C-alpha atoms as a PDB file:
ATOM      1  CA  MET A   1     -22.672 -80.562  35.070  1.00  0.00           C
ATOM      2  CA  ALA A   2     -21.191 -79.204  31.844  1.00  0.00           C
ATOM      3  CA  GLN A   3     -17.569 -78.160  31.812  1.00  0.00           C
ATOM      4  CA  PRO A   4     -16.652 -74.542  30.961  1.00  0.00           C
ATOM      5  CA  GLN A   5     -15.154 -75.605  27.613  1.00  0.00           C
ATOM      6  CA  GLN A   6     -18.387 -77.401  26.672  1.00  0.00           C
ATOM      7  CA  ASP A   7     -20.446 -74.374  27.752  1.00  0.00           C
ATOM      8  CA  PHE A   8     -18.316 -72.115  25.554  1.00  0.00           C
ATOM      9  CA  ARG A   9     -18.661 -74.478  22.569  1.00  0.00           C
ATOM     10  CA  LEU A  10     -22.455 -74.641  22.993  1.00  0.00           C
ATOM     11  CA  GLU A  11     -22.659 -70.865  23.300  1.00  0.00           C
ATOM     12  CA  THR A  12     -20.536 -70.486  20.136  1.00  0.00           C
ATOM     13  CA  LEU A  13     -22.776 -72.880  18.196  1.00  0.00           C
ATOM     14  CA  ILE A  14     -25.918 -71.083  19.339  1.00  0.00           C
ATOM     15  CA  SER A  15     -24.465 -67.674  18.424  1.00  0.00           C
ATOM     16  CA  ALA A  16     -23.465 -68.909  14.971  1.00  0.00           C
ATOM     17  CA  ALA A  17     -26.975 -70.322  14.386  1.00  0.00           C
ATOM     18  CA  ILE A  18     -28.547 -67.003  15.390  1.00  0.00           C
ATOM     19  CA  VAL A  19     -26.312 -65.082  12.980  1.00  0.00           C
ATOM     20  CA  ARG A  20     -27.196 -67.475  10.127  1.00  0.00           C
ATOM     21  CA  CYS A  21     -30.914 -67.112  10.841  1.00  0.00           C
ATOM     22  CA  GLN A  22     -30.752 -63.336  10.952  1.00  0.00           C
ATOM     23  CA  SER A  23     -28.655 -62.924   7.845  1.00  0.00           C
ATOM     24  CA  THR A  24     -30.444 -62.241   4.596  1.00  0.00           C
ATOM     25  CA  PRO A  25     -28.224 -63.086   1.644  1.00  0.00           C
ATOM     26  CA  LYS A  26     -28.865 -61.475  -1.728  1.00  0.00           C
ATOM     27  CA  ILE A  27     -30.257 -64.373  -3.751  1.00  0.00           C
ATOM     28  CA  SER A  28     -32.970 -64.687  -6.351  1.00  0.00           C
ATOM     29  CA  THR A  29     -33.486 -68.443  -6.147  1.00  0.00           C
ATOM     30  CA  LEU A  30     -32.535 -71.361  -3.950  1.00  0.00           C
ATOM     31  CA  SER A  31     -29.448 -73.265  -5.050  1.00  0.00           C
ATOM     32  CA  PHE A  32     -29.735 -76.937  -5.916  1.00  0.00           C
ATOM     33  CA  ALA A  33     -27.790 -77.702  -2.713  1.00  0.00           C
ATOM     34  CA  ASP A  34     -30.348 -75.687  -0.713  1.00  0.00           C
ATOM     35  CA  MET A  35     -33.203 -77.602  -2.354  1.00  0.00           C
ATOM     36  CA  GLN A  36     -31.464 -80.921  -1.638  1.00  0.00           C
ATOM     37  CA  PHE A  37     -31.038 -79.896   1.997  1.00  0.00           C
ATOM     38  CA  LEU A  38     -34.731 -79.023   2.276  1.00  0.00           C
ATOM     39  CA  GLY A  39     -35.647 -82.288   0.542  1.00  0.00           C
ATOM     40  CA  GLN A  40     -33.524 -84.271   2.978  1.00  0.00           C
ATOM     41  CA  LYS A  41     -35.162 -82.539   5.951  1.00  0.00           C
ATOM     42  CA  ILE A  42     -38.634 -83.133   4.492  1.00  0.00           C
ATOM     43  CA  GLN A  43     -37.855 -86.847   4.109  1.00  0.00           C
ATOM     44  CA  GLU A  44     -36.559 -87.015   7.688  1.00  0.00           C
ATOM     45  CA  LYS A  45     -39.691 -85.325   9.058  1.00  0.00           C
ATOM     46  CA  ALA A  46     -41.973 -87.611   7.033  1.00  0.00           C
ATOM     47  CA  LYS A  47     -40.143 -90.707   8.273  1.00  0.00           C
ATOM     48  CA  LEU A  48     -40.590 -89.545  11.875  1.00  0.00           C
ATOM     49  CA  LEU A  49     -44.339 -89.359  11.217  1.00  0.00           C
ATOM     50  CA  LYS A  50     -44.183 -92.747   9.446  1.00  0.00           C
ATOM     51  CA  ILE A  51     -45.682 -91.441   6.218  1.00  0.00           C
ATOM     52  CA  ASP A  52     -44.434 -91.354   2.634  1.00  0.00           C
ATOM     53  CA  VAL A  53     -44.685 -88.008   0.909  1.00  0.00           C
ATOM     54  CA  VAL A  54     -44.022 -86.298  -2.378  1.00  0.00           C
ATOM     55  CA  CYS A  55     -42.126 -82.999  -2.398  1.00  0.00           C
ATOM     56  CA  SER A  56     -41.979 -80.376  -5.134  1.00  0.00           C
ATOM     57  CA  ILE A  57     -39.884 -77.219  -5.013  1.00  0.00           C
ATOM     58  CA  VAL A  58     -40.504 -74.609  -7.686  1.00  0.00           C
ATOM     59  CA  ASP A  59     -38.639 -71.417  -8.492  1.00  0.00           C
ATOM     60  CA  LYS A  60     -40.280 -67.994  -8.281  1.00  0.00           C
ATOM     61  CA  ASN A  61     -41.719 -68.537 -11.777  1.00  0.00           C
ATOM     62  CA  GLY A  62     -43.469 -71.773 -10.826  1.00  0.00           C
ATOM     63  CA  VAL A  63     -41.030 -74.027 -12.693  1.00  0.00           C
ATOM     64  CA  GLN A  64     -40.355 -77.258 -10.827  1.00  0.00           C
ATOM     65  CA  ARG A  65     -36.656 -77.414  -9.915  1.00  0.00           C
ATOM     66  CA  PHE A  66     -36.607 -80.241  -7.344  1.00  0.00           C
ATOM     67  CA  TYR A  67     -38.842 -83.229  -6.814  1.00  0.00           C
ATOM     68  CA  PHE A  68     -38.916 -86.533  -4.996  1.00  0.00           C
ATOM     69  CA  ALA A  69     -41.529 -89.181  -4.218  1.00  0.00           C
ATOM     70  CA  MET A  70     -41.110 -91.629  -1.368  1.00  0.00           C
ATOM     71  CA  PRO A  71     -41.906 -95.241  -2.360  1.00  0.00           C
ATOM     72  CA  ASN A  72     -45.403 -95.615  -0.891  1.00  0.00           C
ATOM     73  CA  ALA A  73     -46.731 -92.090  -1.369  1.00  0.00           C
ATOM     74  CA  LEU A  74     -50.258 -91.842  -2.717  1.00  0.00           C
ATOM     75  CA  LEU A  75     -50.492 -91.372  -6.477  1.00  0.00           C
ATOM     76  CA  VAL A  76     -52.555 -88.204  -6.077  1.00  0.00           C
ATOM     77  CA  SER A  77     -49.729 -86.705  -3.997  1.00  0.00           C
ATOM     78  CA  GLN A  78     -47.564 -86.472  -7.111  1.00  0.00           C
ATOM     79  CA  THR A  79     -49.974 -83.956  -8.615  1.00  0.00           C
ATOM     80  CA  LEU A  80     -50.843 -82.215  -5.351  1.00  0.00           C
ATOM     81  CA  ALA A  81     -47.245 -81.528  -4.264  1.00  0.00           C
ATOM     82  CA  TYR A  82     -46.574 -79.580  -7.471  1.00  0.00           C
ATOM     83  CA  GLN A  83     -49.925 -77.772  -7.295  1.00  0.00           C
ATOM     84  CA  LYS A  84     -49.188 -76.717  -3.711  1.00  0.00           C
ATOM     85  CA  ALA A  85     -45.725 -75.389  -4.599  1.00  0.00           C
ATOM     86  CA  TYR A  86     -47.000 -73.642  -7.739  1.00  0.00           C
ATOM     87  CA  THR A  87     -49.945 -72.055  -5.928  1.00  0.00           C
ATOM     88  CA  ALA A  88     -47.680 -70.801  -3.150  1.00  0.00           C
ATOM     89  CA  VAL A  89     -45.570 -68.791  -5.608  1.00  0.00           C
ATOM     90  CA  ALA A  90     -48.422 -67.834  -7.958  1.00  0.00           C
ATOM     91  CA  MET A  91     -50.479 -66.400  -5.112  1.00  0.00           C
ATOM     92  CA  GLN A  92     -47.523 -65.500  -2.852  1.00  0.00           C
ATOM     93  CA  MET A  93     -49.239 -67.060   0.129  1.00  0.00           C
ATOM     94  CA  PRO A  94     -49.513 -70.410   1.922  1.00  0.00           C
ATOM     95  CA  THR A  95     -52.096 -72.616   0.241  1.00  0.00           C
ATOM     96  CA  ASP A  96     -54.128 -73.115   3.416  1.00  0.00           C
ATOM     97  CA  LYS A  97     -54.655 -69.329   3.587  1.00  0.00           C
ATOM     98  CA  LEU A  98     -56.002 -69.345   0.021  1.00  0.00           C
ATOM     99  CA  ASN A  99     -58.557 -72.062   0.719  1.00  0.00           C
ATOM    100  CA  PRO A 100     -61.338 -69.888   2.156  1.00  0.00           C
ATOM    101  CA  LEU A 101     -60.949 -67.391  -0.692  1.00  0.00           C
ATOM    102  CA  ILE A 102     -61.557 -69.930  -3.483  1.00  0.00           C
ATOM    103  CA  GLN A 103     -64.778 -71.430  -2.157  1.00  0.00           C
ATOM    104  CA  PRO A 104     -68.064 -70.916  -4.061  1.00  0.00           C
ATOM    105  CA  ASN A 105     -69.418 -67.376  -3.722  1.00  0.00           C
ATOM    106  CA  GLN A 106     -66.006 -66.084  -2.608  1.00  0.00           C
ATOM    107  CA  PRO A 107     -63.928 -63.466  -4.431  1.00  0.00           C
ATOM    108  CA  LEU A 108     -61.320 -65.834  -5.920  1.00  0.00           C
ATOM    109  CA  PHE A 109     -63.564 -68.787  -6.752  1.00  0.00           C
ATOM    110  CA  SER A 110     -62.754 -68.477 -10.449  1.00  0.00           C
ATOM    111  CA  LEU A 111     -59.150 -69.489  -9.696  1.00  0.00           C
ATOM    112  CA  THR A 112     -60.406 -73.050  -9.251  1.00  0.00           C
ATOM    113  CA  GLN A 113     -60.659 -73.151 -13.062  1.00  0.00           C
ATOM    114  CA  ASN A 114     -56.846 -73.182 -13.190  1.00  0.00           C
ATOM    115  CA  SER A 115     -55.728 -76.800 -12.788  1.00  0.00           C
ATOM    116  CA  ASN A 116     -52.472 -75.758 -11.067  1.00  0.00           C
ATOM    117  CA  ILE A 117     -54.173 -73.844  -8.250  1.00  0.00           C
ATOM    118  CA  THR A 118     -55.129 -75.575  -5.008  1.00  0.00           C
ATOM    119  CA  GLY A 119     -56.304 -74.459  -1.603  1.00  0.00           C
ATOM    120  CA  ILE A 120     -55.145 -77.640   0.119  1.00  0.00           C
ATOM    121  CA  GLY A 121     -52.637 -76.860   2.869  1.00  0.00           C
ATOM    122  CA  GLY A 122     -49.025 -77.934   2.503  1.00  0.00           C
ATOM    123  CA  GLY A 123     -47.745 -75.329   0.034  1.00  0.00           C
ATOM    124  CA  PHE A 124     -45.603 -72.414   1.195  1.00  0.00           C
ATOM    125  CA  PRO A 125     -43.851 -69.562  -0.583  1.00  0.00           C
ATOM    126  CA  CYS A 126     -40.237 -69.021   0.473  1.00  0.00           C
ATOM    127  CA  TRP A 127     -38.934 -65.503   0.909  1.00  0.00           C
ATOM    128  CA  VAL A 128     -35.472 -64.159   1.587  1.00  0.00           C
ATOM    129  CA  GLY A 129     -36.219 -60.663   2.811  1.00  0.00           C
ATOM    130  CA  GLN A 130     -38.420 -59.081   0.130  1.00  0.00           C
ATOM    131  CA  GLU A 131     -37.409 -61.598  -2.565  1.00  0.00           C
ATOM    132  CA  LEU A 132     -39.620 -64.560  -3.455  1.00  0.00           C
ATOM    133  CA  VAL A 133     -37.140 -67.381  -4.110  1.00  0.00           C
ATOM    134  CA  ALA A 134     -39.183 -70.601  -4.218  1.00  0.00           C
ATOM    135  CA  GLY A 135     -42.332 -72.482  -3.342  1.00  0.00           C
ATOM    136  CA  ILE A 136     -42.440 -75.781  -1.488  1.00  0.00           C
ATOM    137  CA  GLY A 137     -45.278 -78.289  -1.751  1.00  0.00           C
ATOM    138  CA  VAL A 138     -45.572 -81.481   0.266  1.00  0.00           C
ATOM    139  CA  SER A 139     -48.341 -84.049  -0.039  1.00  0.00           C
ATOM    140  CA  GLY A 140     -48.864 -87.533   1.372  1.00  0.00           C
ATOM    141  CA  GLY A 141     -50.142 -87.161   4.903  1.00  0.00           C
ATOM    142  CA  SER A 142     -53.055 -85.240   6.321  1.00  0.00           C
ATOM    143  CA  VAL A 143     -53.106 -81.516   5.593  1.00  0.00           C
ATOM    144  CA  ALA A 144     -51.836 -80.865   9.119  1.00  0.00           C
ATOM    145  CA  GLN A 145     -48.991 -83.368   8.661  1.00  0.00           C
ATOM    146  CA  ASP A 146     -47.988 -81.919   5.295  1.00  0.00           C
ATOM    147  CA  MET A 147     -47.880 -78.425   6.781  1.00  0.00           C
ATOM    148  CA  GLN A 148     -45.962 -79.602   9.860  1.00  0.00           C
ATOM    149  CA  ILE A 149     -43.341 -81.313   7.697  1.00  0.00           C
ATOM    150  CA  VAL A 150     -42.686 -78.155   5.671  1.00  0.00           C
ATOM    151  CA  TRP A 151     -42.593 -75.900   8.747  1.00  0.00           C
ATOM    152  CA  GLU A 152     -40.113 -78.140  10.541  1.00  0.00           C
ATOM    153  CA  ALA A 153     -37.917 -78.522   7.442  1.00  0.00           C
ATOM    154  CA  ILE A 154     -37.797 -74.738   7.032  1.00  0.00           C
ATOM    155  CA  GLU A 155     -36.907 -74.338  10.723  1.00  0.00           C
ATOM    156  CA  ASP A 156     -33.994 -76.760  10.269  1.00  0.00           C
ATOM    157  CA  PHE A 157     -32.947 -74.908   7.114  1.00  0.00           C
ATOM    158  CA  CYS A 158     -32.840 -71.612   9.012  1.00  0.00           C
ATOM    159  CA  LEU A 159     -30.650 -73.105  11.711  1.00  0.00           C
ATOM    160  CA  ALA A 160     -28.195 -74.585   9.221  1.00  0.00           C
ATOM    161  CA  LYS A 161     -28.194 -72.138   6.288  1.00  0.00           C
ATOM    162  CA  PHE A 162     -29.924 -68.741   6.288  1.00  0.00           C
ATOM    163  CA  ARG A 163     -33.269 -67.210   7.128  1.00  0.00           C
ATOM    164  CA  LEU A 164     -36.080 -68.398   4.906  1.00  0.00           C
ATOM    165  CA  ASP A 165     -39.561 -67.012   5.557  1.00  0.00           C
ATOM    166  CA  VAL A 166     -43.026 -68.092   4.425  1.00  0.00           C
ATOM    167  CA  VAL A 167     -44.334 -64.533   4.808  1.00  0.00           C
ATOM    168  CA  LYS A 168     -42.853 -61.657   2.808  1.00  0.00           C
ATOM    169  CA  GLY A 169     -40.483 -59.218   4.420  1.00  0.00           C
ATOM    170  CA  TYR A 170     -39.814 -60.645   7.852  1.00  0.00           C
END
Protein backbone atom coordinates (compact mmCIF):
# COMPACT_ATOMS: atom_id res chain seq x y z
CA MET A 1 0.00 0.00 0.00
CA ALA A 2 1.26 3.47 -0.89
CA GLN A 3 2.21 5.83 1.90
CA PRO A 4 0.38 9.17 2.25
CA GLN A 5 3.49 11.10 1.15
CA GLN A 6 3.75 8.99 -2.01
CA ASP A 7 0.03 9.46 -2.70
CA PHE A 8 0.43 13.23 -2.38
CA ARG A 9 3.46 13.24 -4.71
CA LEU A 10 1.59 11.17 -7.33
CA GLU A 11 -1.44 13.44 -7.07
CA THR A 12 0.81 16.50 -7.49
CA LEU A 13 2.47 15.02 -10.58
CA ILE A 14 -0.89 14.14 -12.12
CA SER A 15 -2.28 17.63 -11.42
CA ALA A 16 0.78 19.28 -12.97
CA ALA A 17 0.46 17.09 -16.09
CA ILE A 18 -3.22 18.02 -16.45
CA VAL A 19 -2.42 21.74 -16.20
CA ARG A 20 0.32 21.40 -18.86
CA CYS A 21 -2.04 19.55 -21.20
CA GLN A 22 -4.81 22.10 -20.79
CA SER A 23 -2.62 25.15 -21.19
CA THR A 24 -2.39 26.70 -24.61
CA PRO A 25 0.71 28.87 -24.89
CA LYS A 26 0.86 31.64 -27.47
CA ILE A 27 3.32 30.25 -30.01
CA SER A 28 3.54 30.34 -33.77
CA THR A 29 5.97 27.47 -34.24
CA LEU A 30 7.50 24.64 -32.27
CA SER A 31 10.89 25.40 -30.74
CA PHE A 32 13.88 23.31 -31.73
CA ALA A 33 13.81 21.79 -28.22
CA ASP A 34 10.15 20.82 -28.75
CA MET A 35 11.02 19.21 -32.09
CA GLN A 36 13.93 17.34 -30.50
CA PHE A 37 11.62 16.08 -27.76
CA LEU A 38 9.10 14.84 -30.33
CA GLY A 39 11.92 13.25 -32.34
CA GLN A 40 13.20 11.45 -29.26
CA LYS A 41 9.71 10.13 -28.48
CA ILE A 42 9.23 9.02 -32.09
CA GLN A 43 12.52 7.10 -31.96
CA GLU A 44 11.51 5.47 -28.67
CA LYS A 45 8.13 4.39 -30.06
CA ALA A 46 9.73 3.01 -33.24
CA LYS A 47 12.27 1.03 -31.22
CA LEU A 48 9.46 -0.51 -29.16
CA LEU A 49 7.88 -1.69 -32.42
CA LYS A 50 11.31 -2.86 -33.64
CA ILE A 51 11.21 -0.76 -36.80
CA ASP A 52 13.47 1.97 -38.17
CA VAL A 53 11.72 5.12 -39.29
CA VAL A 54 12.36 8.49 -40.82
CA CYS A 55 10.83 11.58 -39.20
CA SER A 56 10.29 15.02 -40.72
CA ILE A 57 8.89 18.01 -38.87
CA VAL A 58 7.97 21.06 -40.92
CA ASP A 59 6.88 24.52 -39.85
CA LYS A 60 3.48 25.96 -40.76
CA ASN A 61 4.90 27.00 -44.15
CA GLY A 62 6.00 23.47 -45.05
CA VAL A 63 9.72 24.15 -44.54
CA GLN A 64 11.51 21.19 -43.00
CA ARG A 65 12.92 22.21 -39.61
CA PHE A 66 13.78 18.82 -38.06
CA TYR A 67 14.68 15.50 -39.59
CA PHE A 68 16.20 12.17 -38.65
CA ALA A 69 16.55 8.76 -40.28
CA MET A 70 17.17 5.63 -38.26
CA PRO A 71 19.94 3.42 -39.71
CA ASN A 72 17.86 0.73 -41.43
CA ALA A 73 14.87 2.78 -42.55
CA LEU A 74 13.68 2.15 -46.09
CA LEU A 75 15.05 4.57 -48.68
CA VAL A 76 11.55 5.54 -49.80
CA SER A 77 10.77 6.60 -46.22
CA GLN A 78 13.12 9.56 -46.59
CA THR A 79 10.86 11.05 -49.25
CA LEU A 80 7.59 9.91 -47.69
CA ALA A 81 8.24 11.36 -44.22
CA TYR A 82 8.68 14.85 -45.67
CA GLN A 83 5.68 14.45 -48.00
CA LYS A 84 3.51 13.39 -45.06
CA ALA A 85 4.59 16.37 -42.93
CA TYR A 86 4.23 18.81 -45.83
CA THR A 87 0.79 17.49 -46.80
CA ALA A 88 -0.41 17.72 -43.21
CA VAL A 89 0.28 21.47 -43.09
CA ALA A 90 -0.62 22.21 -46.72
CA MET A 91 -4.02 20.58 -46.36
CA GLN A 92 -4.40 21.19 -42.59
CA MET A 93 -5.50 17.61 -42.05
CA PRO A 94 -4.02 14.18 -41.29
CA THR A 95 -2.79 12.52 -44.47
CA ASP A 96 -4.92 9.41 -43.98
CA LYS A 97 -8.04 11.62 -44.05
CA LEU A 98 -6.94 13.09 -47.39
CA ASN A 99 -6.47 9.70 -49.03
CA PRO A 100 -10.08 9.07 -50.09
CA LEU A 101 -10.36 12.60 -51.49
CA ILE A 102 -7.42 12.25 -53.91
CA GLN A 103 -8.46 9.01 -55.58
CA PRO A 104 -9.46 9.00 -59.28
CA ASN A 105 -12.88 10.57 -59.89
CA GLN A 106 -12.77 12.32 -56.50
CA PRO A 107 -12.84 16.09 -55.96
CA LEU A 108 -9.14 16.54 -55.08
CA PHE A 109 -7.62 14.03 -57.49
CA SER A 110 -5.67 16.78 -59.25
CA LEU A 111 -3.60 17.28 -56.09
CA THR A 112 -1.78 14.06 -56.96
CA GLN A 113 0.03 16.11 -59.62
CA ASN A 114 1.90 17.88 -56.82
CA SER A 115 4.90 15.72 -55.91
CA ASN A 116 4.83 16.88 -52.27
CA ILE A 117 1.25 15.74 -51.62
CA THR A 118 0.51 12.25 -50.34
CA GLY A 119 -2.52 10.47 -48.96
CA ILE A 120 -0.46 7.84 -47.15
CA GLY A 121 -1.19 7.88 -43.42
CA GLY A 122 1.47 9.00 -40.97
CA GLY A 123 1.35 12.78 -41.45
CA PHE A 124 -0.36 15.03 -38.91
CA PRO A 125 -0.77 18.78 -38.57
CA CYS A 126 0.01 20.15 -35.11
CA TRP A 127 -2.18 22.85 -33.64
CA VAL A 128 -1.88 24.91 -30.49
CA GLY A 129 -5.40 26.21 -30.07
CA GLN A 130 -6.30 27.86 -33.38
CA GLU A 131 -2.66 28.20 -34.51
CA LEU A 132 -1.08 25.73 -36.93
CA VAL A 133 2.48 25.34 -35.64
CA ALA A 134 3.95 22.31 -37.44
CA GLY A 135 3.43 19.12 -39.37
CA ILE A 136 4.91 15.76 -38.44
CA GLY A 137 5.56 12.95 -40.91
CA VAL A 138 6.80 9.48 -40.01
CA SER A 139 7.54 6.69 -42.45
CA GLY A 140 9.18 3.28 -42.13
CA GLY A 141 6.59 0.88 -40.79
CA SER A 142 3.12 0.03 -41.97
CA VAL A 143 0.70 2.94 -42.27
CA ALA A 144 -0.89 1.88 -38.98
CA GLN A 145 2.51 1.75 -37.26
CA ASP A 146 3.55 5.15 -38.60
CA MET A 147 0.30 6.68 -37.36
CA GLN A 148 0.58 4.94 -33.97
CA ILE A 149 4.12 6.24 -33.48
CA VAL A 150 3.08 9.85 -34.12
CA TRP A 151 -0.03 9.61 -31.93
CA GLU A 152 1.91 8.16 -29.01
CA ALA A 153 4.73 10.71 -29.37
CA ILE A 154 2.20 13.55 -29.33
CA GLU A 155 0.53 12.06 -26.24
CA ASP A 156 3.90 12.01 -24.46
CA PHE A 157 4.56 15.58 -25.61
CA CYS A 158 1.26 16.73 -24.11
CA LEU A 159 2.08 15.13 -20.78
CA ALA A 160 5.53 16.70 -20.61
CA LYS A 161 5.15 20.07 -22.37
CA PHE A 162 1.83 21.57 -23.49
CA ARG A 163 -1.28 20.60 -25.40
CA LEU A 164 -0.64 19.84 -29.04
CA ASP A 165 -3.62 18.82 -31.18
CA VAL A 166 -3.90 17.20 -34.61
CA VAL A 167 -7.33 18.78 -35.15
CA LYS A 168 -7.78 22.55 -35.16
CA GLY A 169 -9.25 24.32 -32.18
CA TYR A 170 -9.55 21.65 -29.52
